[in-house]
PDB file of N, CA and C in Angstrom:
ATOM      1  N   MET A   1      49.454 101.333 107.475  1.00  0.00           N
ATOM      2  CA  MET A   1      50.439 100.807 106.557  1.00  0.00           C
ATOM      3  C   MET A   1      49.913  99.491 106.014  1.00  0.00           C
ATOM      4  N   MET A   2      50.081  99.307 104.728  1.00  0.00           N
ATOM      5  CA  MET A   2      49.628  98.075 104.087  1.00  0.00           C
ATOM      6  C   MET A   2      50.817  97.409 103.410  1.00  0.00           C
ATOM      7  N   THR A   3      50.928  96.092 103.624  1.00  0.00           N
ATOM      8  CA  THR A   3      52.090  95.372 103.118  1.00  0.00           C
ATOM      9  C   THR A   3      51.726  93.988 102.606  1.00  0.00           C
ATOM     10  N   ASN A   4      52.496  93.524 101.640  1.00  0.00           N
ATOM     11  CA  ASN A   4      52.353  92.158 101.138  1.00  0.00           C
ATOM     12  C   ASN A   4      53.117  91.150 101.985  1.00  0.00           C
ATOM     13  N   ASN A   5      54.047  91.621 102.808  1.00  0.00           N
ATOM     14  CA  ASN A   5      54.773  90.712 103.701  1.00  0.00           C
ATOM     15  C   ASN A   5      55.181  91.440 104.972  1.00  0.00           C
ATOM     16  N   TYR A   6      55.232  90.679 106.038  1.00  0.00           N
ATOM     17  CA  TYR A   6      55.567  91.225 107.346  1.00  0.00           C
ATOM     18  C   TYR A   6      56.067  90.061 108.200  1.00  0.00           C
ATOM     19  N   LYS A   7      56.446  90.346 109.399  1.00  0.00           N
ATOM     20  CA  LYS A   7      56.961  89.301 110.287  1.00  0.00           C
ATOM     21  C   LYS A   7      55.967  88.145 110.362  1.00  0.00           C
ATOM     22  N   PRO A   8      56.412  86.945 110.385  1.00  0.00           N
ATOM     23  CA  PRO A   8      57.747  86.430 110.624  1.00  0.00           C
ATOM     24  C   PRO A   8      58.634  86.372 109.377  1.00  0.00           C
ATOM     25  N   PHE A   9      58.109  86.791 108.206  1.00  0.00           N
ATOM     26  CA  PHE A   9      58.953  86.864 107.012  1.00  0.00           C
ATOM     27  C   PHE A   9      60.114  87.812 107.295  1.00  0.00           C
ATOM     28  N   VAL A  10      61.316  87.400 106.961  1.00  0.00           N
ATOM     29  CA  VAL A  10      62.504  88.216 107.199  1.00  0.00           C
ATOM     30  C   VAL A  10      62.904  88.888 105.894  1.00  0.00           C
ATOM     31  N   GLY A  11      62.950  90.209 105.920  1.00  0.00           N
ATOM     32  CA  GLY A  11      63.336  90.965 104.741  1.00  0.00           C
ATOM     33  C   GLY A  11      63.378  92.443 105.056  1.00  0.00           C
ATOM     34  N   GLY A  12      63.807  93.220 104.090  1.00  0.00           N
ATOM     35  CA  GLY A  12      63.958  94.658 104.291  1.00  0.00           C
ATOM     36  C   GLY A  12      62.651  95.382 104.526  1.00  0.00           C
ATOM     37  N   VAL A  13      61.595  94.990 103.806  1.00  0.00           N
ATOM     38  CA  VAL A  13      60.312  95.677 103.963  1.00  0.00           C
ATOM     39  C   VAL A  13      59.743  95.473 105.369  1.00  0.00           C
ATOM     40  N   PRO A  14      59.641  94.238 105.868  1.00  0.00           N
ATOM     41  CA  PRO A  14      59.124  94.079 107.230  1.00  0.00           C
ATOM     42  C   PRO A  14      59.943  94.816 108.291  1.00  0.00           C
ATOM     43  N   ILE A  15      61.248  94.819 108.137  1.00  0.00           N
ATOM     44  CA  ILE A  15      62.100  95.526 109.106  1.00  0.00           C
ATOM     45  C   ILE A  15      61.830  97.030 109.040  1.00  0.00           C
ATOM     46  N   SER A  16      61.741  97.575 107.832  1.00  0.00           N
ATOM     47  CA  SER A  16      61.467  99.008 107.665  1.00  0.00           C
ATOM     48  C   SER A  16      60.099  99.378 108.234  1.00  0.00           C
ATOM     49  N   ILE A  17      59.101  98.555 107.978  1.00  0.00           N
ATOM     50  CA  ILE A  17      57.755  98.821 108.496  1.00  0.00           C
ATOM     51  C   ILE A  17      57.761  98.841 110.015  1.00  0.00           C
ATOM     52  N   GLU A  18      58.388  97.838 110.605  1.00  0.00           N
ATOM     53  CA  GLU A  18      58.434  97.752 112.066  1.00  0.00           C
ATOM     54  C   GLU A  18      59.116  98.988 112.669  1.00  0.00           C
ATOM     55  N   ARG A  19      60.227  99.400 112.095  1.00  0.00           N
ATOM     56  CA  ARG A  19      60.966 100.562 112.616  1.00  0.00           C
ATOM     57  C   ARG A  19      60.201 101.866 112.406  1.00  0.00           C
ATOM     58  N   LEU A  20      59.618 102.040 111.213  1.00  0.00           N
ATOM     59  CA  LEU A  20      58.859 103.257 110.938  1.00  0.00           C
ATOM     60  C   LEU A  20      57.642 103.358 111.852  1.00  0.00           C
ATOM     61  N   ALA A  21      56.915 102.262 112.015  1.00  0.00           N
ATOM     62  CA  ALA A  21      55.741 102.269 112.892  1.00  0.00           C
ATOM     63  C   ALA A  21      56.134 102.588 114.330  1.00  0.00           C
ATOM     64  N   ALA A  22      57.219 102.003 114.804  1.00  0.00           N
ATOM     65  CA  ALA A  22      57.680 102.254 116.176  1.00  0.00           C
ATOM     66  C   ALA A  22      58.022 103.727 116.371  1.00  0.00           C
ATOM     67  N   LYS A  23      58.726 104.308 115.426  1.00  0.00           N
ATOM     68  CA  LYS A  23      59.106 105.721 115.543  1.00  0.00           C
ATOM     69  C   LYS A  23      57.880 106.623 115.492  1.00  0.00           C
ATOM     70  N   LEU A  24      56.962 106.350 114.575  1.00  0.00           N
ATOM     71  CA  LEU A  24      55.740 107.163 114.504  1.00  0.00           C
ATOM     72  C   LEU A  24      54.930 107.067 115.799  1.00  0.00           C
ATOM     73  N   ARG A  25      54.918 105.894 116.415  1.00  0.00           N
ATOM     74  CA  ARG A  25      54.198 105.736 117.688  1.00  0.00           C
ATOM     75  C   ARG A  25      54.856 106.545 118.802  1.00  0.00           C
ATOM     76  N   THR A  26      56.199 106.618 118.820  1.00  0.00           N
ATOM     77  CA  THR A  26      56.869 107.420 119.844  1.00  0.00           C
ATOM     78  C   THR A  26      56.552 108.906 119.672  1.00  0.00           C
ATOM     79  N   LEU A  27      56.165 109.288 118.444  1.00  0.00           N
ATOM     80  CA  LEU A  27      55.786 110.680 118.179  1.00  0.00           C
ATOM     81  C   LEU A  27      54.295 110.927 118.447  1.00  0.00           C
ATOM     82  N   GLY A  28      53.609 109.906 118.926  1.00  0.00           N
ATOM     83  CA  GLY A  28      52.215 110.071 119.308  1.00  0.00           C
ATOM     84  C   GLY A  28      51.191 109.640 118.270  1.00  0.00           C
ATOM     85  N   HIS A  29      51.617 109.021 117.190  1.00  0.00           N
ATOM     86  CA  HIS A  29      50.690 108.588 116.151  1.00  0.00           C
ATOM     87  C   HIS A  29      50.170 107.188 116.441  1.00  0.00           C
ATOM     88  N   GLU A  30      48.948 106.937 116.030  1.00  0.00           N
ATOM     89  CA  GLU A  30      48.366 105.602 116.120  1.00  0.00           C
ATOM     90  C   GLU A  30      48.568 104.942 114.754  1.00  0.00           C
ATOM     91  N   VAL A  31      49.345 103.876 114.721  1.00  0.00           N
ATOM     92  CA  VAL A  31      49.743 103.253 113.457  1.00  0.00           C
ATOM     93  C   VAL A  31      49.236 101.807 113.429  1.00  0.00           C
ATOM     94  N   TYR A  32      48.492 101.498 112.383  1.00  0.00           N
ATOM     95  CA  TYR A  32      48.032 100.134 112.153  1.00  0.00           C
ATOM     96  C   TYR A  32      48.790  99.561 110.966  1.00  0.00           C
ATOM     97  N   ILE A  33      49.055  98.279 111.025  1.00  0.00           N
ATOM     98  CA  ILE A  33      49.737  97.586 109.938  1.00  0.00           C
ATOM     99  C   ILE A  33      48.805  96.477 109.447  1.00  0.00           C
ATOM    100  N   PHE A  34      48.449  96.529 108.165  1.00  0.00           N
ATOM    101  CA  PHE A  34      47.684  95.466 107.534  1.00  0.00           C
ATOM    102  C   PHE A  34      48.679  94.525 106.886  1.00  0.00           C
ATOM    103  N   ALA A  35      48.710  93.288 107.356  1.00  0.00           N
ATOM    104  CA  ALA A  35      49.706  92.326 106.902  1.00  0.00           C
ATOM    105  C   ALA A  35      49.057  90.967 106.662  1.00  0.00           C
ATOM    106  N   PRO A  36      49.633  90.163 105.785  1.00  0.00           N
ATOM    107  CA  PRO A  36      49.074  88.832 105.542  1.00  0.00           C
ATOM    108  C   PRO A  36      49.295  87.901 106.726  1.00  0.00           C
ATOM    109  N   SER A  37      48.451  86.896 106.803  1.00  0.00           N
ATOM    110  CA  SER A  37      48.588  85.901 107.868  1.00  0.00           C
ATOM    111  C   SER A  37      49.664  84.876 107.501  1.00  0.00           C
ATOM    112  N   TYR A  38      50.340  84.386 108.526  1.00  0.00           N
ATOM    113  CA  TYR A  38      51.372  83.364 108.388  1.00  0.00           C
ATOM    114  C   TYR A  38      51.102  82.286 109.426  1.00  0.00           C
ATOM    115  N   ASP A  39      51.602  81.089 109.184  1.00  0.00           N
ATOM    116  CA  ASP A  39      51.412  80.003 110.145  1.00  0.00           C
ATOM    117  C   ASP A  39      52.118  80.278 111.466  1.00  0.00           C
ATOM    118  N   MET A  40      53.290  80.882 111.424  1.00  0.00           N
ATOM    119  CA  MET A  40      54.106  81.071 112.634  1.00  0.00           C
ATOM    120  C   MET A  40      54.072  82.507 113.150  1.00  0.00           C
ATOM    121  N   GLU A  41      53.026  83.260 112.837  1.00  0.00           N
ATOM    122  CA  GLU A  41      52.979  84.664 113.242  1.00  0.00           C
ATOM    123  C   GLU A  41      52.767  84.808 114.746  1.00  0.00           C
ATOM    124  N   VAL A  42      53.217  85.934 115.268  1.00  0.00           N
ATOM    125  CA  VAL A  42      53.004  86.288 116.659  1.00  0.00           C
ATOM    126  C   VAL A  42      51.997  87.436 116.668  1.00  0.00           C
ATOM    127  N   GLU A  43      50.975  87.303 117.494  1.00  0.00           N
ATOM    128  CA  GLU A  43      49.964  88.357 117.552  1.00  0.00           C
ATOM    129  C   GLU A  43      50.577  89.625 118.139  1.00  0.00           C
ATOM    130  N   GLU A  44      50.318  90.749 117.473  1.00  0.00           N
ATOM    131  CA  GLU A  44      50.838  92.043 117.909  1.00  0.00           C
ATOM    132  C   GLU A  44      49.709  93.067 117.912  1.00  0.00           C
ATOM    133  N   GLU A  45      49.750  93.956 118.882  1.00  0.00           N
ATOM    134  CA  GLU A  45      48.783  95.038 118.935  1.00  0.00           C
ATOM    135  C   GLU A  45      48.974  95.931 117.707  1.00  0.00           C
ATOM    136  N   TYR A  46      47.893  96.362 117.108  1.00  0.00           N
ATOM    137  CA  TYR A  46      47.872  97.251 115.943  1.00  0.00           C
ATOM    138  C   TYR A  46      48.334  96.586 114.642  1.00  0.00           C
ATOM    139  N   VAL A  47      48.508  95.274 114.652  1.00  0.00           N
ATOM    140  CA  VAL A  47      48.788  94.553 113.414  1.00  0.00           C
ATOM    141  C   VAL A  47      47.524  93.778 113.062  1.00  0.00           C
ATOM    142  N   ILE A  48      46.930  94.129 111.940  1.00  0.00           N
ATOM    143  CA  ILE A  48      45.705  93.501 111.479  1.00  0.00           C
ATOM    144  C   ILE A  48      46.085  92.512 110.392  1.00  0.00           C
ATOM    145  N   ARG A  49      45.805  91.258 110.635  1.00  0.00           N
ATOM    146  CA  ARG A  49      46.177  90.195 109.697  1.00  0.00           C
ATOM    147  C   ARG A  49      44.995  89.858 108.797  1.00  0.00           C
ATOM    148  N   TYR A  50      45.237  89.901 107.499  1.00  0.00           N
ATOM    149  CA  TYR A  50      44.231  89.468 106.543  1.00  0.00           C
ATOM    150  C   TYR A  50      44.652  88.106 105.991  1.00  0.00           C
ATOM    151  N   HIS A  51      43.706  87.393 105.426  1.00  0.00           N
ATOM    152  CA  HIS A  51      43.986  86.051 104.923  1.00  0.00           C
ATOM    153  C   HIS A  51      45.005  86.091 103.789  1.00  0.00           C
ATOM    154  N   SER A  52      45.737  85.015 103.695  1.00  0.00           N
ATOM    155  CA  SER A  52      46.703  84.882 102.606  1.00  0.00           C
ATOM    156  C   SER A  52      46.581  83.493 102.009  1.00  0.00           C
ATOM    157  N   LEU A  53      47.073  83.383 100.802  1.00  0.00           N
ATOM    158  CA  LEU A  53      47.119  82.107 100.104  1.00  0.00           C
ATOM    159  C   LEU A  53      48.561  81.645 100.135  1.00  0.00           C
ATOM    160  N   LYS A  54      48.765  80.381 100.324  1.00  0.00           N
ATOM    161  CA  LYS A  54      50.126  79.860 100.422  1.00  0.00           C
ATOM    162  C   LYS A  54      50.441  79.027  99.180  1.00  0.00           C
ATOM    163  N   GLN A  55      51.585  79.270  98.590  1.00  0.00           N
ATOM    164  CA  GLN A  55      52.051  78.525  97.437  1.00  0.00           C
ATOM    165  C   GLN A  55      53.368  77.847  97.807  1.00  0.00           C
ATOM    166  N   LYS A  56      53.530  76.641  97.408  1.00  0.00           N
ATOM    167  CA  LYS A  56      54.784  75.935  97.654  1.00  0.00           C
ATOM    168  C   LYS A  56      55.673  76.070  96.416  1.00  0.00           C
ATOM    169  N   LEU A  57      56.735  76.797  96.548  1.00  0.00           N
ATOM    170  CA  LEU A  57      57.743  76.863  95.496  1.00  0.00           C
ATOM    171  C   LEU A  57      58.984  76.211  96.085  1.00  0.00           C
ATOM    172  N   ARG A  58      60.016  76.951  96.255  1.00  0.00           N
ATOM    173  CA  ARG A  58      61.183  76.386  96.957  1.00  0.00           C
ATOM    174  C   ARG A  58      60.945  76.395  98.456  1.00  0.00           C
ATOM    175  N   ARG A  59      60.316  77.444  98.895  1.00  0.00           N
ATOM    176  CA  ARG A  59      59.887  77.556 100.282  1.00  0.00           C
ATOM    177  C   ARG A  59      58.425  77.954 100.213  1.00  0.00           C
ATOM    178  N   GLU A  60      57.802  78.094 101.349  1.00  0.00           N
ATOM    179  CA  GLU A  60      56.418  78.561 101.336  1.00  0.00           C
ATOM    180  C   GLU A  60      56.396  80.028 100.952  1.00  0.00           C
ATOM    181  N   PHE A  61      55.572  80.370 100.003  1.00  0.00           N
ATOM    182  CA  PHE A  61      55.470  81.724  99.494  1.00  0.00           C
ATOM    183  C   PHE A  61      54.065  82.228  99.784  1.00  0.00           C
ATOM    184  N   ILE A  62      53.953  83.389 100.400  1.00  0.00           N
ATOM    185  CA  ILE A  62      52.669  83.950 100.789  1.00  0.00           C
ATOM    186  C   ILE A  62      52.171  84.898  99.706  1.00  0.00           C
ATOM    187  N   ILE A  63      50.913  84.723  99.323  1.00  0.00           N
ATOM    188  CA  ILE A  63      50.266  85.626  98.388  1.00  0.00           C
ATOM    189  C   ILE A  63      49.107  86.285  99.135  1.00  0.00           C
ATOM    190  N   PRO A  64      49.106  87.607  99.277  1.00  0.00           N
ATOM    191  CA  PRO A  64      48.036  88.263 100.015  1.00  0.00           C
ATOM    192  C   PRO A  64      46.688  88.064  99.337  1.00  0.00           C
ATOM    193  N   ASN A  65      45.675  87.805 100.133  1.00  0.00           N
ATOM    194  CA  ASN A  65      44.315  87.711  99.608  1.00  0.00           C
ATOM    195  C   ASN A  65      43.704  89.111  99.670  1.00  0.00           C
ATOM    196  N   ILE A  66      43.859  89.867  98.593  1.00  0.00           N
ATOM    197  CA  ILE A  66      43.411  91.259  98.573  1.00  0.00           C
ATOM    198  C   ILE A  66      41.891  91.384  98.568  1.00  0.00           C
ATOM    199  N   PHE A  67      41.201  90.258  98.444  1.00  0.00           N
ATOM    200  CA  PHE A  67      39.741  90.263  98.437  1.00  0.00           C
ATOM    201  C   PHE A  67      39.149  89.904  99.794  1.00  0.00           C
ATOM    202  N   ASP A  68      39.980  89.763 100.804  1.00  0.00           N
ATOM    203  CA  ASP A  68      39.489  89.441 102.145  1.00  0.00           C
ATOM    204  C   ASP A  68      38.558  90.565 102.605  1.00  0.00           C
ATOM    205  N   PRO A  69      37.276  90.285 102.855  1.00  0.00           N
ATOM    206  CA  PRO A  69      36.325  91.341 103.244  1.00  0.00           C
ATOM    207  C   PRO A  69      36.671  92.010 104.570  1.00  0.00           C
ATOM    208  N   MET A  70      37.474  91.362 105.385  1.00  0.00           N
ATOM    209  CA  MET A  70      37.868  91.935 106.669  1.00  0.00           C
ATOM    210  C   MET A  70      38.629  93.240 106.480  1.00  0.00           C
ATOM    211  N   ILE A  71      39.371  93.367 105.386  1.00  0.00           N
ATOM    212  CA  ILE A  71      40.135  94.597 105.143  1.00  0.00           C
ATOM    213  C   ILE A  71      39.184  95.780 105.042  1.00  0.00           C
ATOM    214  N   GLU A  72      38.157  95.661 104.223  1.00  0.00           N
ATOM    215  CA  GLU A  72      37.185  96.746 104.077  1.00  0.00           C
ATOM    216  C   GLU A  72      36.425  96.998 105.374  1.00  0.00           C
ATOM    217  N   GLU A  73      36.098  95.925 106.096  1.00  0.00           N
ATOM    218  CA  GLU A  73      35.400  96.081 107.382  1.00  0.00           C
ATOM    219  C   GLU A  73      36.234  96.909 108.358  1.00  0.00           C
ATOM    220  N   LYS A  74      37.522  96.621 108.437  1.00  0.00           N
ATOM    221  CA  LYS A  74      38.407  97.370 109.347  1.00  0.00           C
ATOM    222  C   LYS A  74      38.542  98.826 108.914  1.00  0.00           C
ATOM    223  N   PHE A  75      38.572  99.062 107.607  1.00  0.00           N
ATOM    224  CA  PHE A  75      38.652 100.439 107.119  1.00  0.00           C
ATOM    225  C   PHE A  75      37.402 101.232 107.505  1.00  0.00           C
ATOM    226  N   LYS A  76      36.247 100.575 107.478  1.00  0.00           N
ATOM    227  CA  LYS A  76      35.007 101.245 107.873  1.00  0.00           C
ATOM    228  C   LYS A  76      34.946 101.451 109.386  1.00  0.00           C
ATOM    229  N   GLU A  77      35.459 100.483 110.131  1.00  0.00           N
ATOM    230  CA  GLU A  77      35.428 100.527 111.596  1.00  0.00           C
ATOM    231  C   GLU A  77      36.388 101.576 112.164  1.00  0.00           C
ATOM    232  N   LEU A  78      37.571 101.657 111.594  1.00  0.00           N
ATOM    233  CA  LEU A  78      38.601 102.568 112.083  1.00  0.00           C
ATOM    234  C   LEU A  78      38.665 103.782 111.158  1.00  0.00           C
ATOM    235  N   SER A  79      39.060 104.898 111.679  1.00  0.00           N
ATOM    236  CA  SER A  79      39.153 106.115 110.873  1.00  0.00           C
ATOM    237  C   SER A  79      40.625 106.426 110.613  1.00  0.00           C
ATOM    238  N   PHE A  80      41.014 106.378 109.344  1.00  0.00           N
ATOM    239  CA  PHE A  80      42.410 106.614 108.995  1.00  0.00           C
ATOM    240  C   PHE A  80      42.568 107.976 108.328  1.00  0.00           C
ATOM    241  N   ASP A  81      43.589 108.707 108.740  1.00  0.00           N
ATOM    242  CA  ASP A  81      43.916 109.988 108.115  1.00  0.00           C
ATOM    243  C   ASP A  81      44.850 109.800 106.921  1.00  0.00           C
ATOM    244  N   LEU A  82      45.631 108.737 106.963  1.00  0.00           N
ATOM    245  CA  LEU A  82      46.656 108.518 105.952  1.00  0.00           C
ATOM    246  C   LEU A  82      46.830 107.017 105.738  1.00  0.00           C
ATOM    247  N   ILE A  83      47.019 106.621 104.491  1.00  0.00           N
ATOM    248  CA  ILE A  83      47.287 105.222 104.157  1.00  0.00           C
ATOM    249  C   ILE A  83      48.622 105.183 103.426  1.00  0.00           C
ATOM    250  N   HIS A  84      49.518 104.346 103.914  1.00  0.00           N
ATOM    251  CA  HIS A  84      50.818 104.178 103.248  1.00  0.00           C
ATOM    252  C   HIS A  84      50.898 102.744 102.756  1.00  0.00           C
ATOM    253  N   VAL A  85      51.147 102.569 101.469  1.00  0.00           N
ATOM    254  CA  VAL A  85      51.243 101.241 100.863  1.00  0.00           C
ATOM    255  C   VAL A  85      52.709 100.953 100.565  1.00  0.00           C
ATOM    256  N   HIS A  86      53.187  99.837 101.068  1.00  0.00           N
ATOM    257  CA  HIS A  86      54.586  99.467 100.867  1.00  0.00           C
ATOM    258  C   HIS A  86      54.799  98.679  99.584  1.00  0.00           C
ATOM    259  N   HIS A  87      53.736  98.253  98.943  1.00  0.00           N
ATOM    260  CA  HIS A  87      53.833  97.485  97.699  1.00  0.00           C
ATOM    261  C   HIS A  87      52.774  97.991  96.730  1.00  0.00           C
ATOM    262  N   PRO A  88      53.157  98.446  95.549  1.00  0.00           N
ATOM    263  CA  PRO A  88      52.151  98.931  94.594  1.00  0.00           C
ATOM    264  C   PRO A  88      51.292  97.808  94.027  1.00  0.00           C
ATOM    265  N   MET A  89      51.817  96.608  93.950  1.00  0.00           N
ATOM    266  CA  MET A  89      51.066  95.485  93.410  1.00  0.00           C
ATOM    267  C   MET A  89      50.346  94.747  94.538  1.00  0.00           C
ATOM    268  N   LEU A  90      49.335  94.005  94.182  1.00  0.00           N
ATOM    269  CA  LEU A  90      48.511  93.211  95.093  1.00  0.00           C
ATOM    270  C   LEU A  90      47.845  94.082  96.139  1.00  0.00           C
ATOM    271  N   ILE A  91      48.376  94.178  97.338  1.00  0.00           N
ATOM    272  CA  ILE A  91      47.690  94.944  98.394  1.00  0.00           C
ATOM    273  C   ILE A  91      47.575  96.424  98.025  1.00  0.00           C
ATOM    274  N   GLY A  92      48.449  96.914  97.175  1.00  0.00           N
ATOM    275  CA  GLY A  92      48.360  98.289  96.715  1.00  0.00           C
ATOM    276  C   GLY A  92      47.068  98.568  95.972  1.00  0.00           C
ATOM    277  N   TYR A  93      46.591  97.587  95.220  1.00  0.00           N
ATOM    278  CA  TYR A  93      45.317  97.741  94.511  1.00  0.00           C
ATOM    279  C   TYR A  93      44.164  97.881  95.500  1.00  0.00           C
ATOM    280  N   THR A  94      44.243  97.200  96.612  1.00  0.00           N
ATOM    281  CA  THR A  94      43.197  97.246  97.636  1.00  0.00           C
ATOM    282  C   THR A  94      43.134  98.633  98.269  1.00  0.00           C
ATOM    283  N   ALA A  95      44.254  99.287  98.407  1.00  0.00           N
ATOM    284  CA  ALA A  95      44.306 100.597  99.069  1.00  0.00           C
ATOM    285  C   ALA A  95      43.683 101.702  98.236  1.00  0.00           C
ATOM    286  N   GLU A  96      43.563 101.483  96.932  1.00  0.00           N
ATOM    287  CA  GLU A  96      42.982 102.516  96.069  1.00  0.00           C
ATOM    288  C   GLU A  96      41.611 102.764  96.537  1.00  0.00           C
TER     289      GLU A  96
END
């Protein structure tokens, strides 16, 4: 799964990703989540954090760095049968 935002960001997409990944794992699937890095993130198994750019607007706003070479390295290292993109823009372009 690839996302432009994930925990600790609070929103519908991160909650849906967390629940979907948990359910798929109970069914025996190995699920990885590619998510941007945050200052207050908690390390989680199967969550791969790529670099992000931070912009100060009203609050800190995370912009995924879709050019982080680590993303391609992980894709080569791990074998994926299926890629699900939660955002068509930004990280969605990387999944193509």
